[in-house]
Amino acid sequence: MKCYKHHEEEAVGICTNCGKAICLNCTREKMGKLVCFRCANKVDYEGFKSDRLVSKELLYEFRKWEELHKDEGKGRYAG
C-alpha cells in the first residue's frame, strides 16, 4: 500500500484519525497514536474521530525513525 500524499513511498500505517495510509514522513504522534500530518493539528483542537489503536511495534519504529531524522525537518514545512 502506498502513502496517500507521497505516492512513491510505502505506507507504514493508517492515520488513527482519518484512516488514510501514511508513510513515515507523513506520520506524527499525538497522545500515543499515529496520525497524518494534516490531522495532527486537528487532534489538538477537536480530539480523535475514532478509537483506532496503533501497535506498540509501529509506534516504536516511528520513534526510532523520528530520532534518526529529527534534525532533517527543522525549518521546513512537513507536507
PDB file of N, CA and C in Angstrom:
ATOM      1  N   MET A   1       0.851  -1.168   0.000  1.00  0.00           N
ATOM      2  CA  MET A   1       0.000   0.000   0.000  1.00  0.00           C
ATOM      3  C   MET A   1       0.902   1.237   0.000  1.00  0.00           C
ATOM      4  N   LYS A   2       0.523   2.246  -0.748  1.00  0.00           N
ATOM      5  CA  LYS A   2       1.307   3.478  -0.862  1.00  0.00           C
ATOM      6  C   LYS A   2       0.691   4.591  -0.021  1.00  0.00           C
ATOM      7  N   CYS A   3       1.521   5.556   0.339  1.00  0.00           N
ATOM      8  CA  CYS A   3       1.094   6.727   1.106  1.00  0.00           C
ATOM      9  C   CYS A   3       0.126   7.562   0.269  1.00  0.00           C
ATOM     10  N   TYR A   4      -0.905   8.097   0.912  1.00  0.00           N
ATOM     11  CA  TYR A   4      -1.891   8.899   0.175  1.00  0.00           C
ATOM     12  C   TYR A   4      -1.295  10.202  -0.342  1.00  0.00           C
ATOM     13  N   LYS A   5      -0.269  10.738   0.304  1.00  0.00           N
ATOM     14  CA  LYS A   5       0.343  12.009  -0.093  1.00  0.00           C
ATOM     15  C   LYS A   5       1.571  11.787  -0.977  1.00  0.00           C
ATOM     16  N   HIS A   6       2.436  10.877  -0.571  1.00  0.00           N
ATOM     17  CA  HIS A   6       3.667  10.572  -1.298  1.00  0.00           C
ATOM     18  C   HIS A   6       3.475   9.223  -1.997  1.00  0.00           C
ATOM     19  N   HIS A   7       2.949   9.243  -3.180  1.00  0.00           N
ATOM     20  CA  HIS A   7       2.532   8.039  -3.898  1.00  0.00           C
ATOM     21  C   HIS A   7       3.666   7.059  -4.192  1.00  0.00           C
ATOM     22  N   GLU A   8       4.916   7.519  -4.133  1.00  0.00           N
ATOM     23  CA  GLU A   8       6.049   6.635  -4.389  1.00  0.00           C
ATOM     24  C   GLU A   8       6.533   5.939  -3.107  1.00  0.00           C
ATOM     25  N   GLU A   9       6.074   6.395  -1.948  1.00  0.00           N
ATOM     26  CA  GLU A   9       6.504   5.848  -0.657  1.00  0.00           C
ATOM     27  C   GLU A   9       5.544   4.771  -0.153  1.00  0.00           C
ATOM     28  N   GLU A  10       6.119   3.738   0.453  1.00  0.00           N
ATOM     29  CA  GLU A  10       5.301   2.694   1.067  1.00  0.00           C
ATOM     30  C   GLU A  10       4.660   3.238   2.341  1.00  0.00           C
ATOM     31  N   ALA A  11       3.416   2.916   2.545  1.00  0.00           N
ATOM     32  CA  ALA A  11       2.736   3.300   3.779  1.00  0.00           C
ATOM     33  C   ALA A  11       3.229   2.406   4.910  1.00  0.00           C
ATOM     34  N   VAL A  12       3.393   3.005   6.088  1.00  0.00           N
ATOM     35  CA  VAL A  12       3.807   2.234   7.261  1.00  0.00           C
ATOM     36  C   VAL A  12       2.646   2.040   8.225  1.00  0.00           C
ATOM     37  N   GLY A  13       1.552   2.708   7.948  1.00  0.00           N
ATOM     38  CA  GLY A  13       0.393   2.586   8.824  1.00  0.00           C
ATOM     39  C   GLY A  13      -0.780   3.380   8.299  1.00  0.00           C
ATOM     40  N   ILE A  14      -1.784   3.461   9.130  1.00  0.00           N
ATOM     41  CA  ILE A  14      -3.013   4.169   8.809  1.00  0.00           C
ATOM     42  C   ILE A  14      -3.210   5.256   9.854  1.00  0.00           C
ATOM     43  N   CYS A  15      -3.557   6.460   9.436  1.00  0.00           N
ATOM     44  CA  CYS A  15      -3.843   7.546  10.375  1.00  0.00           C
ATOM     45  C   CYS A  15      -4.990   7.107  11.281  1.00  0.00           C
ATOM     46  N   THR A  16      -4.798   7.219  12.581  1.00  0.00           N
ATOM     47  CA  THR A  16      -5.828   6.792  13.523  1.00  0.00           C
ATOM     48  C   THR A  16      -7.002   7.758  13.565  1.00  0.00           C
ATOM     49  N   ASN A  17      -6.876   8.891  12.881  1.00  0.00           N
ATOM     50  CA  ASN A  17      -7.969   9.858  12.868  1.00  0.00           C
ATOM     51  C   ASN A  17      -8.790   9.789  11.581  1.00  0.00           C
ATOM     52  N   CYS A  18      -8.124   9.885  10.418  1.00  0.00           N
ATOM     53  CA  CYS A  18      -8.865   9.931   9.148  1.00  0.00           C
ATOM     54  C   CYS A  18      -8.869   8.602   8.398  1.00  0.00           C
ATOM     55  N   GLY A  19      -7.965   7.686   8.760  1.00  0.00           N
ATOM     56  CA  GLY A  19      -7.943   6.374   8.127  1.00  0.00           C
ATOM     57  C   GLY A  19      -7.144   6.288   6.847  1.00  0.00           C
ATOM     58  N   LYS A  20      -6.389   7.341   6.485  1.00  0.00           N
ATOM     59  CA  LYS A  20      -5.586   7.314   5.263  1.00  0.00           C
ATOM     60  C   LYS A  20      -4.261   6.610   5.506  1.00  0.00           C
ATOM     61  N   ALA A  21      -3.739   5.957   4.450  1.00  0.00           N
ATOM     62  CA  ALA A  21      -2.436   5.299   4.511  1.00  0.00           C
ATOM     63  C   ALA A  21      -1.348   6.365   4.555  1.00  0.00           C
ATOM     64  N   ILE A  22      -0.370   6.200   5.459  1.00  0.00           N
ATOM     65  CA  ILE A  22       0.675   7.206   5.622  1.00  0.00           C
ATOM     66  C   ILE A  22       2.063   6.574   5.654  1.00  0.00           C
ATOM     67  N   CYS A  23       3.033   7.296   5.071  1.00  0.00           N
ATOM     68  CA  CYS A  23       4.434   6.884   5.113  1.00  0.00           C
ATOM     69  C   CYS A  23       5.074   7.478   6.376  1.00  0.00           C
ATOM     70  N   LEU A  24       6.309   7.126   6.654  1.00  0.00           N
ATOM     71  CA  LEU A  24       6.980   7.660   7.843  1.00  0.00           C
ATOM     72  C   LEU A  24       7.109   9.174   7.797  1.00  0.00           C
ATOM     73  N   ASN A  25       7.286   9.740   6.622  1.00  0.00           N
ATOM     74  CA  ASN A  25       7.442  11.186   6.504  1.00  0.00           C
ATOM     75  C   ASN A  25       6.165  11.935   6.875  1.00  0.00           C
ATOM     76  N   CYS A  26       5.020  11.326   6.655  1.00  0.00           N
ATOM     77  CA  CYS A  26       3.731  11.960   6.963  1.00  0.00           C
ATOM     78  C   CYS A  26       3.262  11.678   8.386  1.00  0.00           C
ATOM     79  N   THR A  27       3.941  10.792   9.079  1.00  0.00           N
ATOM     80  CA  THR A  27       3.471  10.314  10.373  1.00  0.00           C
ATOM     81  C   THR A  27       3.847  11.255  11.504  1.00  0.00           C
ATOM     82  N   ARG A  28       2.880  11.519  12.358  1.00  0.00           N
ATOM     83  CA  ARG A  28       3.081  12.296  13.579  1.00  0.00           C
ATOM     84  C   ARG A  28       2.501  11.496  14.740  1.00  0.00           C
ATOM     85  N   GLU A  29       2.977  11.779  15.944  1.00  0.00           N
ATOM     86  CA  GLU A  29       2.453  11.103  17.128  1.00  0.00           C
ATOM     87  C   GLU A  29       1.668  12.100  17.970  1.00  0.00           C
ATOM     88  N   LYS A  30       0.471  11.721  18.343  1.00  0.00           N
ATOM     89  CA  LYS A  30      -0.378  12.529  19.219  1.00  0.00           C
ATOM     90  C   LYS A  30      -1.001  11.613  20.258  1.00  0.00           C
ATOM     91  N   MET A  31      -0.719  11.875  21.507  1.00  0.00           N
ATOM     92  CA  MET A  31      -1.313  11.122  22.615  1.00  0.00           C
ATOM     93  C   MET A  31      -1.123   9.612  22.460  1.00  0.00           C
ATOM     94  N   GLY A  32       0.069   9.217  21.984  1.00  0.00           N
ATOM     95  CA  GLY A  32       0.377   7.801  21.837  1.00  0.00           C
ATOM     96  C   GLY A  32      -0.228   7.140  20.620  1.00  0.00           C
ATOM     97  N   LYS A  33      -0.814   7.931  19.726  1.00  0.00           N
ATOM     98  CA  LYS A  33      -1.395   7.396  18.494  1.00  0.00           C
ATOM     99  C   LYS A  33      -0.702   8.050  17.311  1.00  0.00           C
ATOM    100  N   LEU A  34      -0.646   7.332  16.192  1.00  0.00           N
ATOM    101  CA  LEU A  34      -0.054   7.886  14.981  1.00  0.00           C
ATOM    102  C   LEU A  34      -1.142   8.508  14.126  1.00  0.00           C
ATOM    103  N   VAL A  35      -0.858   9.710  13.640  1.00  0.00           N
ATOM    104  CA  VAL A  35      -1.792  10.424  12.777  1.00  0.00           C
ATOM    105  C   VAL A  35      -1.024  11.006  11.601  1.00  0.00           C
ATOM    106  N   CYS A  36      -1.741  11.365  10.540  1.00  0.00           N
ATOM    107  CA  CYS A  36      -1.088  12.018   9.404  1.00  0.00           C
ATOM    108  C   CYS A  36      -0.807  13.476   9.774  1.00  0.00           C
ATOM    109  N   PHE A  37       0.055  14.119   9.006  1.00  0.00           N
ATOM    110  CA  PHE A  37       0.424  15.495   9.321  1.00  0.00           C
ATOM    111  C   PHE A  37      -0.775  16.431   9.262  1.00  0.00           C
ATOM    112  N   ARG A  38      -1.752  16.146   8.409  1.00  0.00           N
ATOM    113  CA  ARG A  38      -2.933  17.006   8.310  1.00  0.00           C
ATOM    114  C   ARG A  38      -3.831  16.903   9.538  1.00  0.00           C
ATOM    115  N   CYS A  39      -3.918  15.724  10.113  1.00  0.00           N
ATOM    116  CA  CYS A  39      -4.777  15.524  11.293  1.00  0.00           C
ATOM    117  C   CYS A  39      -4.087  15.936  12.590  1.00  0.00           C
ATOM    118  N   ALA A  40      -2.758  16.072  12.573  1.00  0.00           N
ATOM    119  CA  ALA A  40      -2.019  16.352  13.807  1.00  0.00           C
ATOM    120  C   ALA A  40      -2.539  17.597  14.517  1.00  0.00           C
ATOM    121  N   ASN A  41      -2.755  18.685  13.795  1.00  0.00           N
ATOM    122  CA  ASN A  41      -3.255  19.910  14.422  1.00  0.00           C
ATOM    123  C   ASN A  41      -4.728  19.808  14.777  1.00  0.00           C
ATOM    124  N   LYS A  42      -5.500  19.123  13.953  1.00  0.00           N
ATOM    125  CA  LYS A  42      -6.927  18.956  14.225  1.00  0.00           C
ATOM    126  C   LYS A  42      -7.155  18.228  15.539  1.00  0.00           C
ATOM    127  N   VAL A  43      -6.327  17.223  15.803  1.00  0.00           N
ATOM    128  CA  VAL A  43      -6.478  16.421  17.014  1.00  0.00           C
ATOM    129  C   VAL A  43      -6.304  17.292  18.259  1.00  0.00           C
ATOM    130  N   ASP A  44      -5.385  18.258  18.202  1.00  0.00           N
ATOM    131  CA  ASP A  44      -5.165  19.144  19.344  1.00  0.00           C
ATOM    132  C   ASP A  44      -6.433  19.904  19.723  1.00  0.00           C
ATOM    133  N   TYR A  45      -7.211  20.289  18.728  1.00  0.00           N
ATOM    134  CA  TYR A  45      -8.386  21.121  18.971  1.00  0.00           C
ATOM    135  C   TYR A  45      -9.699  20.345  19.012  1.00  0.00           C
ATOM    136  N   GLU A  46      -9.804  19.289  18.225  1.00  0.00           N
ATOM    137  CA  GLU A  46     -11.080  18.591  18.082  1.00  0.00           C
ATOM    138  C   GLU A  46     -11.103  17.211  18.733  1.00  0.00           C
ATOM    139  N   GLY A  47      -9.949  16.675  19.078  1.00  0.00           N
ATOM    140  CA  GLY A  47      -9.885  15.311  19.590  1.00  0.00           C
ATOM    141  C   GLY A  47      -9.902  14.314  18.440  1.00  0.00           C
ATOM    142  N   PHE A  48      -9.825  13.036  18.770  1.00  0.00           N
ATOM    143  CA  PHE A  48      -9.812  11.983  17.761  1.00  0.00           C
ATOM    144  C   PHE A  48     -11.212  11.668  17.280  1.00  0.00           C
ATOM    145  N   LYS A  49     -11.326  11.368  15.983  1.00  0.00           N
ATOM    146  CA  LYS A  49     -12.609  10.957  15.407  1.00  0.00           C
ATOM    147  C   LYS A  49     -12.924   9.509  15.751  1.00  0.00           C
ATOM    148  N   SER A  50     -11.899   8.707  15.959  1.00  0.00           N
ATOM    149  CA  SER A  50     -12.124   7.283  16.203  1.00  0.00           C
ATOM    150  C   SER A  50     -11.205   6.790  17.308  1.00  0.00           C
ATOM    151  N   ASP A  51     -11.401   5.561  17.681  1.00  0.00           N
ATOM    152  CA  ASP A  51     -10.580   4.943  18.714  1.00  0.00           C
ATOM    153  C   ASP A  51      -9.646   3.893  18.129  1.00  0.00           C
ATOM    154  N   ARG A  52      -9.203   4.076  16.890  1.00  0.00           N
ATOM    155  CA  ARG A  52      -8.272   3.127  16.277  1.00  0.00           C
ATOM    156  C   ARG A  52      -6.995   3.085  17.102  1.00  0.00           C
ATOM    157  N   LEU A  53      -6.487   1.914  17.304  1.00  0.00           N
ATOM    158  CA  LEU A  53      -5.269   1.745  18.085  1.00  0.00           C
ATOM    159  C   LEU A  53      -4.089   1.482  17.168  1.00  0.00           C
ATOM    160  N   VAL A  54      -2.902   1.839  17.634  1.00  0.00           N
ATOM    161  CA  VAL A  54      -1.667   1.622  16.897  1.00  0.00           C
ATOM    162  C   VAL A  54      -0.860   0.582  17.659  1.00  0.00           C
ATOM    163  N   SER A  55      -0.258  -0.334  16.931  1.00  0.00           N
ATOM    164  CA  SER A  55       0.544  -1.357  17.599  1.00  0.00           C
ATOM    165  C   SER A  55       1.765  -0.714  18.251  1.00  0.00           C
ATOM    166  N   LYS A  56       2.203  -1.307  19.335  1.00  0.00           N
ATOM    167  CA  LYS A  56       3.390  -0.806  20.029  1.00  0.00           C
ATOM    168  C   LYS A  56       4.610  -0.894  19.125  1.00  0.00           C
ATOM    169  N   GLU A  57       4.656  -1.917  18.278  1.00  0.00           N
ATOM    170  CA  GLU A  57       5.792  -2.087  17.372  1.00  0.00           C
ATOM    171  C   GLU A  57       5.880  -0.932  16.374  1.00  0.00           C
ATOM    172  N   LEU A  58       4.745  -0.531  15.811  1.00  0.00           N
ATOM    173  CA  LEU A  58       4.745   0.572  14.855  1.00  0.00           C
ATOM    174  C   LEU A  58       5.116   1.874  15.540  1.00  0.00           C
ATOM    175  N   LEU A  59       4.609   2.110  16.736  1.00  0.00           N
ATOM    176  CA  LEU A  59       4.942   3.312  17.485  1.00  0.00           C
ATOM    177  C   LEU A  59       6.436   3.337  17.806  1.00  0.00           C
ATOM    178  N   TYR A  60       6.999   2.191  18.174  1.00  0.00           N
ATOM    179  CA  TYR A  60       8.426   2.085  18.447  1.00  0.00           C
ATOM    180  C   TYR A  60       9.246   2.395  17.193  1.00  0.00           C
ATOM    181  N   GLU A  61       8.863   1.815  16.053  1.00  0.00           N
ATOM    182  CA  GLU A  61       9.570   2.072  14.795  1.00  0.00           C
ATOM    183  C   GLU A  61       9.495   3.543  14.415  1.00  0.00           C
ATOM    184  N   PHE A  62       8.334   4.166  14.601  1.00  0.00           N
ATOM    185  CA  PHE A  62       8.195   5.586  14.287  1.00  0.00           C
ATOM    186  C   PHE A  62       9.109   6.422  15.177  1.00  0.00           C
ATOM    187  N   ARG A  63       9.157   6.116  16.449  1.00  0.00           N
ATOM    188  CA  ARG A  63      10.007   6.890  17.368  1.00  0.00           C
ATOM    189  C   ARG A  63      11.479   6.740  17.012  1.00  0.00           C
ATOM    190  N   LYS A  64      11.901   5.540  16.610  1.00  0.00           N
ATOM    191  CA  LYS A  64      13.282   5.342  16.161  1.00  0.00           C
ATOM    192  C   LYS A  64      13.552   6.185  14.923  1.00  0.00           C
ATOM    193  N   TRP A  65      12.647   6.141  13.942  1.00  0.00           N
ATOM    194  CA  TRP A  65      12.801   6.908  12.708  1.00  0.00           C
ATOM    195  C   TRP A  65      12.830   8.400  13.018  1.00  0.00           C
ATOM    196  N   GLU A  66      11.929   8.850  13.895  1.00  0.00           N
ATOM    197  CA  GLU A  66      11.852  10.263  14.261  1.00  0.00           C
ATOM    198  C   GLU A  66      13.161  10.728  14.899  1.00  0.00           C
ATOM    199  N   GLU A  67      13.741   9.911  15.760  1.00  0.00           N
ATOM    200  CA  GLU A  67      15.001  10.255  16.411  1.00  0.00           C
ATOM    201  C   GLU A  67      16.138  10.351  15.389  1.00  0.00           C
ATOM    202  N   LEU A  68      16.188   9.429  14.446  1.00  0.00           N
ATOM    203  CA  LEU A  68      17.232   9.449  13.421  1.00  0.00           C
ATOM    204  C   LEU A  68      17.124  10.656  12.497  1.00  0.00           C
ATOM    205  N   HIS A  69      15.913  11.154  12.278  1.00  0.00           N
ATOM    206  CA  HIS A  69      15.682  12.231  11.320  1.00  0.00           C
ATOM    207  C   HIS A  69      15.286  13.550  11.967  1.00  0.00           C
ATOM    208  N   LYS A  70      15.498  13.693  13.269  1.00  0.00           N
ATOM    209  CA  LYS A  70      14.999  14.868  13.979  1.00  0.00           C
ATOM    210  C   LYS A  70      15.589  16.181  13.479  1.00  0.00           C
ATOM    211  N   ASP A  71      16.818  16.180  12.978  1.00  0.00           N
ATOM    212  CA  ASP A  71      17.428  17.424  12.515  1.00  0.00           C
ATOM    213  C   ASP A  71      17.124  17.746  11.059  1.00  0.00           C
ATOM    214  N   GLU A  72      16.619  16.780  10.308  1.00  0.00           N
ATOM    215  CA  GLU A  72      16.346  16.988   8.882  1.00  0.00           C
ATOM    216  C   GLU A  72      15.192  17.942   8.632  1.00  0.00           C
ATOM    217  N   GLY A  73      14.192  17.927   9.490  1.00  0.00           N
ATOM    218  CA  GLY A  73      12.980  18.690   9.236  1.00  0.00           C
ATOM    219  C   GLY A  73      12.944  20.073   9.841  1.00  0.00           C
ATOM    220  N   LYS A  74      14.005  20.493  10.493  1.00  0.00           N
ATOM    221  CA  LYS A  74      13.987  21.812  11.125  1.00  0.00           C
ATOM    222  C   LYS A  74      13.906  22.908  10.077  1.00  0.00           C
ATOM    223  N   GLY A  75      12.933  23.778  10.267  1.00  0.00           N
ATOM    224  CA  GLY A  75      12.800  24.922   9.375  1.00  0.00           C
ATOM    225  C   GLY A  75      12.089  24.645   8.074  1.00  0.00           C
ATOM    226  N   ARG A  76      11.446  23.482   7.947  1.00  0.00           N
ATOM    227  CA  ARG A  76      10.710  23.224   6.712  1.00  0.00           C
ATOM    228  C   ARG A  76       9.300  22.777   7.042  1.00  0.00           C
ATOM    229  N   TYR A  77       8.412  23.062   6.149  1.00  0.00           N
ATOM    230  CA  TYR A  77       7.023  22.648   6.300  1.00  0.00           C
ATOM    231  C   TYR A  77       6.915  21.181   5.942  1.00  0.00           C
ATOM    232  N   ALA A  78       6.355  20.398   6.833  1.00  0.00           N
ATOM    233  CA  ALA A  78       6.192  18.966   6.571  1.00  0.00           C
ATOM    234  C   ALA A  78       4.953  18.748   5.740  1.00  0.00           C
ATOM    235  N   GLY A  79       5.121  18.348   4.522  1.00  0.00           N
ATOM    236  CA  GLY A  79       3.977  18.031   3.675  1.00  0.00           C
ATOM    237  C   GLY A  79       4.182  18.600   2.369  1.00  0.00           C
TER     238      GLY A  79
END
